[in-house]
Amino acid sequence: MVARTVSRLVAPLSRRVRLMARRAVVKLVYDDPKMQELQLAIFSGEVRDRVERWEDYGFSSHPIPGAEALVLALGGNTDHGAVVKVGDRRYRIRGLAQGEVAFYDDQGQVVHLKRDKTIHVYGCDRLAADVAVETEVVCPLVTVTASSKVTFDTPLVEFTGNATFAGDVAVANSGQFGGGLIMTGAAGTGNISTPGDVSDGDGSMAGIRSTYNEHDHPGDSGGTTGTPNQEM
């Protein structure tokens, strides 16, 4: 008799404890409110609409229907729920080393912070940095691999040190190097081509060409030779 009475008294509390944390499936996402809201299918069979999702500061995502959520019933009240975690096993990156971090989406785009202190970005068609003031990358080595080409859409590209090119260099406008320009083509040399002029500290290629084409020499009989037959 006492046991039944105690069981009857604690039953509401026991139920509230059991329902404090539940699993759910995301059915719909409301991303317009200041705090994102989700429509959820609770594993017990009920559907809850516009449940607030608590995201970590500085990180935001728009889950795809079918993702899984962990819902807390605040104060044990299922009418006052909050989503504290959303995961999607369909697209999760696997095989990370201990301590590594990766950001990813359902399209296979990944930013991977690796244990060798390199950052790998892959799976994207275009990598764009849209900033209003300045972007600075400070690290010992930066490697960019592109299957087609790399385009710098900027009025000026400045090298403060040496520049090494394994192939030819074509300059459409002007180029400035604070250090040396080293060509290392397949035969040990590369080609530099430009529709403009090439200059160093003593003059320009156009100036050298003009001097050569117009130069003459004293003749054997005291006169002056003509300009070269073969111009540069």
Foldseek 3Di string as FASTA:
>chain_A
DVVVVVCVVCVVVVLLVVQQKFKWWFDDWDPPDPFIFTWTQTPVGDIDGGAGEDDDPPDDDTDDGGWMWMKGCVVSNPNNIYTDDTGHPVWDDDDADPPKDWDADPQGFIFTCHPVRDTDTDSDPDDDDDDDPDDDDDDDDDDDDDPPDDDDPDPADEALEEDEDQEEAEDADDHDYNYYYAYQYPVGGYYYHYPDWAADPPGIPVVVQVCQQADWAQDPVRHIGGHDPDGD
